[in-house]
Amino acid sequence: MALDKDTTELRWRKSSYSGGGNDCVEVAFTRDGAAVRDSKNPAGGALTVPAAEWDALLAAARTGELDLR
């Protein structure tokens, strides 16, 4: 994982469940994986992860592995 400051060329998107505010994370897909940033601070850089780690995160979220309850 790396914090990448130059993400100007990426195409960012928010979940349709975000409610339209600026209180969520945004994701952009890169050629090697994905980048995630805070929608309140888009110039603050992004966390980039390889494709395999992104896929593992999504799989864990889908199965409820990340639920804190």
PDB file of N, CA and C in Angstrom:
ATOM      1  N   MET A   1       0.837  -1.181   0.000  1.00  0.00           N
ATOM      2  CA  MET A   1       0.000   0.000   0.000  1.00  0.00           C
ATOM      3  C   MET A   1       0.878   1.239   0.000  1.00  0.00           C
ATOM      4  N   ALA A   2       0.361   2.277  -0.608  1.00  0.00           N
ATOM      5  CA  ALA A   2       1.126   3.514  -0.683  1.00  0.00           C
ATOM      6  C   ALA A   2       0.172   4.695  -0.664  1.00  0.00           C
ATOM      7  N   LEU A   3       0.671   5.803  -0.160  1.00  0.00           N
ATOM      8  CA  LEU A   3      -0.082   7.048  -0.220  1.00  0.00           C
ATOM      9  C   LEU A   3       0.393   7.807  -1.438  1.00  0.00           C
ATOM     10  N   ASP A   4      -0.497   7.996  -2.388  1.00  0.00           N
ATOM     11  CA  ASP A   4      -0.147   8.591  -3.674  1.00  0.00           C
ATOM     12  C   ASP A   4      -0.728   9.995  -3.754  1.00  0.00           C
ATOM     13  N   LYS A   5       0.118  10.985  -3.914  1.00  0.00           N
ATOM     14  CA  LYS A   5      -0.342  12.379  -3.992  1.00  0.00           C
ATOM     15  C   LYS A   5      -0.808  12.763  -5.395  1.00  0.00           C
ATOM     16  N   ASP A   6      -0.314  12.117  -6.449  1.00  0.00           N
ATOM     17  CA  ASP A   6      -0.678  12.497  -7.814  1.00  0.00           C
ATOM     18  C   ASP A   6      -1.782  11.575  -8.333  1.00  0.00           C
ATOM     19  N   THR A   7      -3.014  11.973  -8.090  1.00  0.00           N
ATOM     20  CA  THR A   7      -4.172  11.176  -8.518  1.00  0.00           C
ATOM     21  C   THR A   7      -5.086  11.987  -9.426  1.00  0.00           C
ATOM     22  N   THR A   8      -4.544  13.030 -10.041  1.00  0.00           N
ATOM     23  CA  THR A   8      -5.363  13.944 -10.836  1.00  0.00           C
ATOM     24  C   THR A   8      -5.929  13.294 -12.088  1.00  0.00           C
ATOM     25  N   GLU A   9      -5.281  12.285 -12.619  1.00  0.00           N
ATOM     26  CA  GLU A   9      -5.739  11.661 -13.858  1.00  0.00           C
ATOM     27  C   GLU A   9      -6.759  10.548 -13.635  1.00  0.00           C
ATOM     28  N   LEU A  10      -7.050  10.221 -12.396  1.00  0.00           N
ATOM     29  CA  LEU A  10      -7.958   9.115 -12.119  1.00  0.00           C
ATOM     30  C   LEU A  10      -9.418   9.550 -12.215  1.00  0.00           C
ATOM     31  N   ARG A  11     -10.282   8.602 -12.501  1.00  0.00           N
ATOM     32  CA  ARG A  11     -11.723   8.849 -12.564  1.00  0.00           C
ATOM     33  C   ARG A  11     -12.351   8.352 -11.252  1.00  0.00           C
ATOM     34  N   TRP A  12     -12.732   9.272 -10.408  1.00  0.00           N
ATOM     35  CA  TRP A  12     -13.226   8.957  -9.066  1.00  0.00           C
ATOM     36  C   TRP A  12     -14.724   8.740  -9.074  1.00  0.00           C
ATOM     37  N   ARG A  13     -15.194   7.870  -8.170  1.00  0.00           N
ATOM     38  CA  ARG A  13     -16.639   7.652  -8.034  1.00  0.00           C
ATOM     39  C   ARG A  13     -16.986   7.368  -6.582  1.00  0.00           C
ATOM     40  N   LYS A  14     -18.215   7.721  -6.253  1.00  0.00           N
ATOM     41  CA  LYS A  14     -18.753   7.469  -4.913  1.00  0.00           C
ATOM     42  C   LYS A  14     -19.867   6.444  -5.031  1.00  0.00           C
ATOM     43  N   SER A  15     -20.151   5.789  -3.949  1.00  0.00           N
ATOM     44  CA  SER A  15     -21.259   4.847  -3.915  1.00  0.00           C
ATOM     45  C   SER A  15     -22.578   5.585  -4.111  1.00  0.00           C
ATOM     46  N   SER A  16     -23.525   4.933  -4.742  1.00  0.00           N
ATOM     47  CA  SER A  16     -24.857   5.529  -4.891  1.00  0.00           C
ATOM     48  C   SER A  16     -25.567   5.601  -3.544  1.00  0.00           C
ATOM     49  N   TYR A  17     -25.044   4.927  -2.541  1.00  0.00           N
ATOM     50  CA  TYR A  17     -25.612   4.950  -1.188  1.00  0.00           C
ATOM     51  C   TYR A  17     -25.038   6.086  -0.341  1.00  0.00           C
ATOM     52  N   SER A  18     -24.187   6.912  -0.894  1.00  0.00           N
ATOM     53  CA  SER A  18     -23.497   7.937  -0.105  1.00  0.00           C
ATOM     54  C   SER A  18     -24.399   9.085   0.325  1.00  0.00           C
ATOM     55  N   GLY A  19     -25.535   9.252  -0.290  1.00  0.00           N
ATOM     56  CA  GLY A  19     -26.456  10.310   0.119  1.00  0.00           C
ATOM     57  C   GLY A  19     -26.130  11.670  -0.466  1.00  0.00           C
ATOM     58  N   GLY A  20     -25.134  11.767  -1.310  1.00  0.00           N
ATOM     59  CA  GLY A  20     -24.835  13.018  -1.986  1.00  0.00           C
ATOM     60  C   GLY A  20     -23.988  13.994  -1.203  1.00  0.00           C
ATOM     61  N   GLY A  21     -23.688  13.706   0.055  1.00  0.00           N
ATOM     62  CA  GLY A  21     -22.843  14.599   0.834  1.00  0.00           C
ATOM     63  C   GLY A  21     -21.374  14.339   0.589  1.00  0.00           C
ATOM     64  N   ASN A  22     -20.552  15.102   1.259  1.00  0.00           N
ATOM     65  CA  ASN A  22     -19.104  14.918   1.147  1.00  0.00           C
ATOM     66  C   ASN A  22     -18.562  14.195   2.365  1.00  0.00           C
ATOM     67  N   ASP A  23     -19.252  13.172   2.816  1.00  0.00           N
ATOM     68  CA  ASP A  23     -18.832  12.470   4.024  1.00  0.00           C
ATOM     69  C   ASP A  23     -18.628  10.979   3.753  1.00  0.00           C
ATOM     70  N   CYS A  24     -17.914  10.689   2.694  1.00  0.00           N
ATOM     71  CA  CYS A  24     -17.699   9.297   2.333  1.00  0.00           C
ATOM     72  C   CYS A  24     -16.332   9.146   1.689  1.00  0.00           C
ATOM     73  N   VAL A  25     -16.039   7.962   1.269  1.00  0.00           N
ATOM     74  CA  VAL A  25     -14.802   7.721   0.529  1.00  0.00           C
ATOM     75  C   VAL A  25     -15.125   7.588  -0.944  1.00  0.00           C
ATOM     76  N   GLU A  26     -14.134   7.859  -1.754  1.00  0.00           N
ATOM     77  CA  GLU A  26     -14.261   7.702  -3.199  1.00  0.00           C
ATOM     78  C   GLU A  26     -13.238   6.664  -3.646  1.00  0.00           C
ATOM     79  N   VAL A  27     -13.548   5.975  -4.724  1.00  0.00           N
ATOM     80  CA  VAL A  27     -12.638   4.975  -5.264  1.00  0.00           C
ATOM     81  C   VAL A  27     -12.385   5.270  -6.742  1.00  0.00           C
ATOM     82  N   ALA A  28     -11.182   4.976  -7.164  1.00  0.00           N
ATOM     83  CA  ALA A  28     -10.818   5.061  -8.578  1.00  0.00           C
ATOM     84  C   ALA A  28      -9.997   3.814  -8.890  1.00  0.00           C
ATOM     85  N   PHE A  29     -10.250   3.244 -10.037  1.00  0.00           N
ATOM     86  CA  PHE A  29      -9.514   2.044 -10.418  1.00  0.00           C
ATOM     87  C   PHE A  29      -8.286   2.441 -11.216  1.00  0.00           C
ATOM     88  N   THR A  30      -7.185   1.834 -10.875  1.00  0.00           N
ATOM     89  CA  THR A  30      -5.918   2.086 -11.549  1.00  0.00           C
ATOM     90  C   THR A  30      -5.553   0.860 -12.379  1.00  0.00           C
ATOM     91  N   ARG A  31      -4.495   0.951 -13.121  1.00  0.00           N
ATOM     92  CA  ARG A  31      -4.118  -0.219 -13.926  1.00  0.00           C
ATOM     93  C   ARG A  31      -3.619  -1.358 -13.051  1.00  0.00           C
ATOM     94  N   ASP A  32      -3.179  -1.048 -11.814  1.00  0.00           N
ATOM     95  CA  ASP A  32      -2.651  -2.071 -10.913  1.00  0.00           C
ATOM     96  C   ASP A  32      -3.586  -2.444  -9.773  1.00  0.00           C
ATOM     97  N   GLY A  33      -4.687  -1.734  -9.598  1.00  0.00           N
ATOM     98  CA  GLY A  33      -5.581  -2.010  -8.480  1.00  0.00           C
ATOM     99  C   GLY A  33      -6.600  -0.903  -8.290  1.00  0.00           C
ATOM    100  N   ALA A  34      -6.590  -0.301  -7.101  1.00  0.00           N
ATOM    101  CA  ALA A  34      -7.560   0.742  -6.790  1.00  0.00           C
ATOM    102  C   ALA A  34      -6.920   1.797  -5.895  1.00  0.00           C
ATOM    103  N   ALA A  35      -7.518   2.981  -5.922  1.00  0.00           N
ATOM    104  CA  ALA A  35      -7.107   4.079  -5.050  1.00  0.00           C
ATOM    105  C   ALA A  35      -8.347   4.538  -4.295  1.00  0.00           C
ATOM    106  N   VAL A  36      -8.155   4.900  -3.029  1.00  0.00           N
ATOM    107  CA  VAL A  36      -9.254   5.334  -2.168  1.00  0.00           C
ATOM    108  C   VAL A  36      -8.857   6.664  -1.539  1.00  0.00           C
ATOM    109  N   ARG A  37      -9.815   7.602  -1.504  1.00  0.00           N
ATOM    110  CA  ARG A  37      -9.539   8.898  -0.877  1.00  0.00           C
ATOM    111  C   ARG A  37     -10.767   9.381  -0.123  1.00  0.00           C
ATOM    112  N   ASP A  38     -10.545  10.354   0.736  1.00  0.00           N
ATOM    113  CA  ASP A  38     -11.604  10.994   1.518  1.00  0.00           C
ATOM    114  C   ASP A  38     -12.263  12.056   0.647  1.00  0.00           C
ATOM    115  N   SER A  39     -13.578  11.984   0.498  1.00  0.00           N
ATOM    116  CA  SER A  39     -14.264  12.948  -0.367  1.00  0.00           C
ATOM    117  C   SER A  39     -14.218  14.367   0.184  1.00  0.00           C
ATOM    118  N   LYS A  40     -13.999  14.527   1.487  1.00  0.00           N
ATOM    119  CA  LYS A  40     -13.897  15.867   2.072  1.00  0.00           C
ATOM    120  C   LYS A  40     -12.547  16.518   1.772  1.00  0.00           C
ATOM    121  N   ASN A  41     -11.553  15.696   1.437  1.00  0.00           N
ATOM    122  CA  ASN A  41     -10.214  16.215   1.198  1.00  0.00           C
ATOM    123  C   ASN A  41      -9.591  15.541  -0.025  1.00  0.00           C
ATOM    124  N   PRO A  42     -10.131  15.769  -1.210  1.00  0.00           N
ATOM    125  CA  PRO A  42      -9.633  15.082  -2.396  1.00  0.00           C
ATOM    126  C   PRO A  42      -8.184  15.418  -2.751  1.00  0.00           C
ATOM    127  N   ALA A  43      -7.698  16.565  -2.322  1.00  0.00           N
ATOM    128  CA  ALA A  43      -6.311  16.932  -2.618  1.00  0.00           C
ATOM    129  C   ALA A  43      -5.332  16.341  -1.608  1.00  0.00           C
ATOM    130  N   GLY A  44      -5.852  15.653  -0.604  1.00  0.00           N
ATOM    131  CA  GLY A  44      -5.007  15.119   0.454  1.00  0.00           C
ATOM    132  C   GLY A  44      -4.306  13.821   0.123  1.00  0.00           C
ATOM    133  N   GLY A  45      -4.435  13.341  -1.098  1.00  0.00           N
ATOM    134  CA  GLY A  45      -3.789  12.095  -1.480  1.00  0.00           C
ATOM    135  C   GLY A  45      -4.749  10.926  -1.413  1.00  0.00           C
ATOM    136  N   ALA A  46      -4.247   9.772  -1.785  1.00  0.00           N
ATOM    137  CA  ALA A  46      -5.084   8.578  -1.828  1.00  0.00           C
ATOM    138  C   ALA A  46      -4.273   7.366  -1.407  1.00  0.00           C
ATOM    139  N   LEU A  47      -4.939   6.425  -0.826  1.00  0.00           N
ATOM    140  CA  LEU A  47      -4.337   5.149  -0.486  1.00  0.00           C
ATOM    141  C   LEU A  47      -4.503   4.233  -1.688  1.00  0.00           C
ATOM    142  N   THR A  48      -3.419   3.711  -2.211  1.00  0.00           N
ATOM    143  CA  THR A  48      -3.504   2.818  -3.366  1.00  0.00           C
ATOM    144  C   THR A  48      -3.215   1.388  -2.919  1.00  0.00           C
ATOM    145  N   VAL A  49      -3.963   0.452  -3.460  1.00  0.00           N
ATOM    146  CA  VAL A  49      -3.794  -0.959  -3.113  1.00  0.00           C
ATOM    147  C   VAL A  49      -3.747  -1.795  -4.395  1.00  0.00           C
ATOM    148  N   PRO A  50      -2.959  -2.868  -4.377  1.00  0.00           N
ATOM    149  CA  PRO A  50      -2.929  -3.767  -5.530  1.00  0.00           C
ATOM    150  C   PRO A  50      -4.283  -4.445  -5.731  1.00  0.00           C
ATOM    151  N   ALA A  51      -4.515  -4.928  -6.931  1.00  0.00           N
ATOM    152  CA  ALA A  51      -5.799  -5.538  -7.278  1.00  0.00           C
ATOM    153  C   ALA A  51      -6.169  -6.689  -6.351  1.00  0.00           C
ATOM    154  N   ALA A  52      -5.227  -7.549  -5.991  1.00  0.00           N
ATOM    155  CA  ALA A  52      -5.529  -8.693  -5.129  1.00  0.00           C
ATOM    156  C   ALA A  52      -5.999  -8.237  -3.743  1.00  0.00           C
ATOM    157  N   GLU A  53      -5.396  -7.181  -3.209  1.00  0.00           N
ATOM    158  CA  GLU A  53      -5.818  -6.664  -1.905  1.00  0.00           C
ATOM    159  C   GLU A  53      -7.189  -5.997  -1.992  1.00  0.00           C
ATOM    160  N   TRP A  54      -7.451  -5.292  -3.088  1.00  0.00           N
ATOM    161  CA  TRP A  54      -8.765  -4.677  -3.282  1.00  0.00           C
ATOM    162  C   TRP A  54      -9.846  -5.754  -3.353  1.00  0.00           C
ATOM    163  N   ASP A  55      -9.585  -6.809  -4.113  1.00  0.00           N
ATOM    164  CA  ASP A  55     -10.537  -7.918  -4.231  1.00  0.00           C
ATOM    165  C   ASP A  55     -10.780  -8.583  -2.877  1.00  0.00           C
ATOM    166  N   ALA A  56      -9.730  -8.745  -2.075  1.00  0.00           N
ATOM    167  CA  ALA A  56      -9.872  -9.351  -0.746  1.00  0.00           C
ATOM    168  C   ALA A  56     -10.717  -8.455   0.166  1.00  0.00           C
ATOM    169  N   LEU A  57     -10.527  -7.143   0.089  1.00  0.00           N
ATOM    170  CA  LEU A  57     -11.332  -6.209   0.885  1.00  0.00           C
ATOM    171  C   LEU A  57     -12.806  -6.300   0.506  1.00  0.00           C
ATOM    172  N   LEU A  58     -13.088  -6.302  -0.788  1.00  0.00           N
ATOM    173  CA  LEU A  58     -14.479  -6.404  -1.233  1.00  0.00           C
ATOM    174  C   LEU A  58     -15.112  -7.723  -0.813  1.00  0.00           C
ATOM    175  N   ALA A  59     -14.370  -8.818  -0.923  1.00  0.00           N
ATOM    176  CA  ALA A  59     -14.891 -10.126  -0.519  1.00  0.00           C
ATOM    177  C   ALA A  59     -15.205 -10.144   0.972  1.00  0.00           C
ATOM    178  N   ALA A  60     -14.332  -9.579   1.789  1.00  0.00           N
ATOM    179  CA  ALA A  60     -14.564  -9.535   3.232  1.00  0.00           C
ATOM    180  C   ALA A  60     -15.782  -8.674   3.567  1.00  0.00           C
ATOM    181  N   ALA A  61     -15.950  -7.560   2.869  1.00  0.00           N
ATOM    182  CA  ALA A  61     -17.113  -6.698   3.107  1.00  0.00           C
ATOM    183  C   ALA A  61     -18.404  -7.401   2.712  1.00  0.00           C
ATOM    184  N   ARG A  62     -18.380  -8.110   1.601  1.00  0.00           N
ATOM    185  CA  ARG A  62     -19.584  -8.794   1.115  1.00  0.00           C
ATOM    186  C   ARG A  62     -20.022  -9.933   2.028  1.00  0.00           C
ATOM    187  N   THR A  63     -19.088 -10.596   2.657  1.00  0.00           N
ATOM    188  CA  THR A  63     -19.428 -11.745   3.519  1.00  0.00           C
ATOM    189  C   THR A  63     -19.713 -11.320   4.954  1.00  0.00           C
ATOM    190  N   GLY A  64     -19.555 -10.022   5.269  1.00  0.00           N
ATOM    191  CA  GLY A  64     -19.817  -9.545   6.624  1.00  0.00           C
ATOM    192  C   GLY A  64     -18.634  -9.683   7.567  1.00  0.00           C
ATOM    193  N   GLU A  65     -17.502 -10.083   7.050  1.00  0.00           N
ATOM    194  CA  GLU A  65     -16.306 -10.270   7.875  1.00  0.00           C
ATOM    195  C   GLU A  65     -15.878  -8.992   8.561  1.00  0.00           C
ATOM    196  N   LEU A  66     -16.209  -7.843   7.996  1.00  0.00           N
ATOM    197  CA  LEU A  66     -15.790  -6.561   8.548  1.00  0.00           C
ATOM    198  C   LEU A  66     -16.836  -5.931   9.474  1.00  0.00           C
ATOM    199  N   ASP A  67     -17.985  -6.580   9.635  1.00  0.00           N
ATOM    200  CA  ASP A  67     -19.020  -6.049  10.528  1.00  0.00           C
ATOM    201  C   ASP A  67     -18.500  -6.025  11.957  1.00  0.00           C
ATOM    202  N   LEU A  68     -18.692  -4.924  12.630  1.00  0.00           N
ATOM    203  CA  LEU A  68     -18.187  -4.761  13.992  1.00  0.00           C
ATOM    204  C   LEU A  68     -19.215  -5.150  15.054  1.00  0.00           C
ATOM    205  N   ARG A  69     -20.370  -5.568  14.680  1.00  0.00           N
ATOM    206  CA  ARG A  69     -21.397  -5.927  15.662  1.00  0.00           C
ATOM    207  C   ARG A  69     -21.225  -7.321  16.163  1.00  0.00           C
TER     208      ARG A  69
END
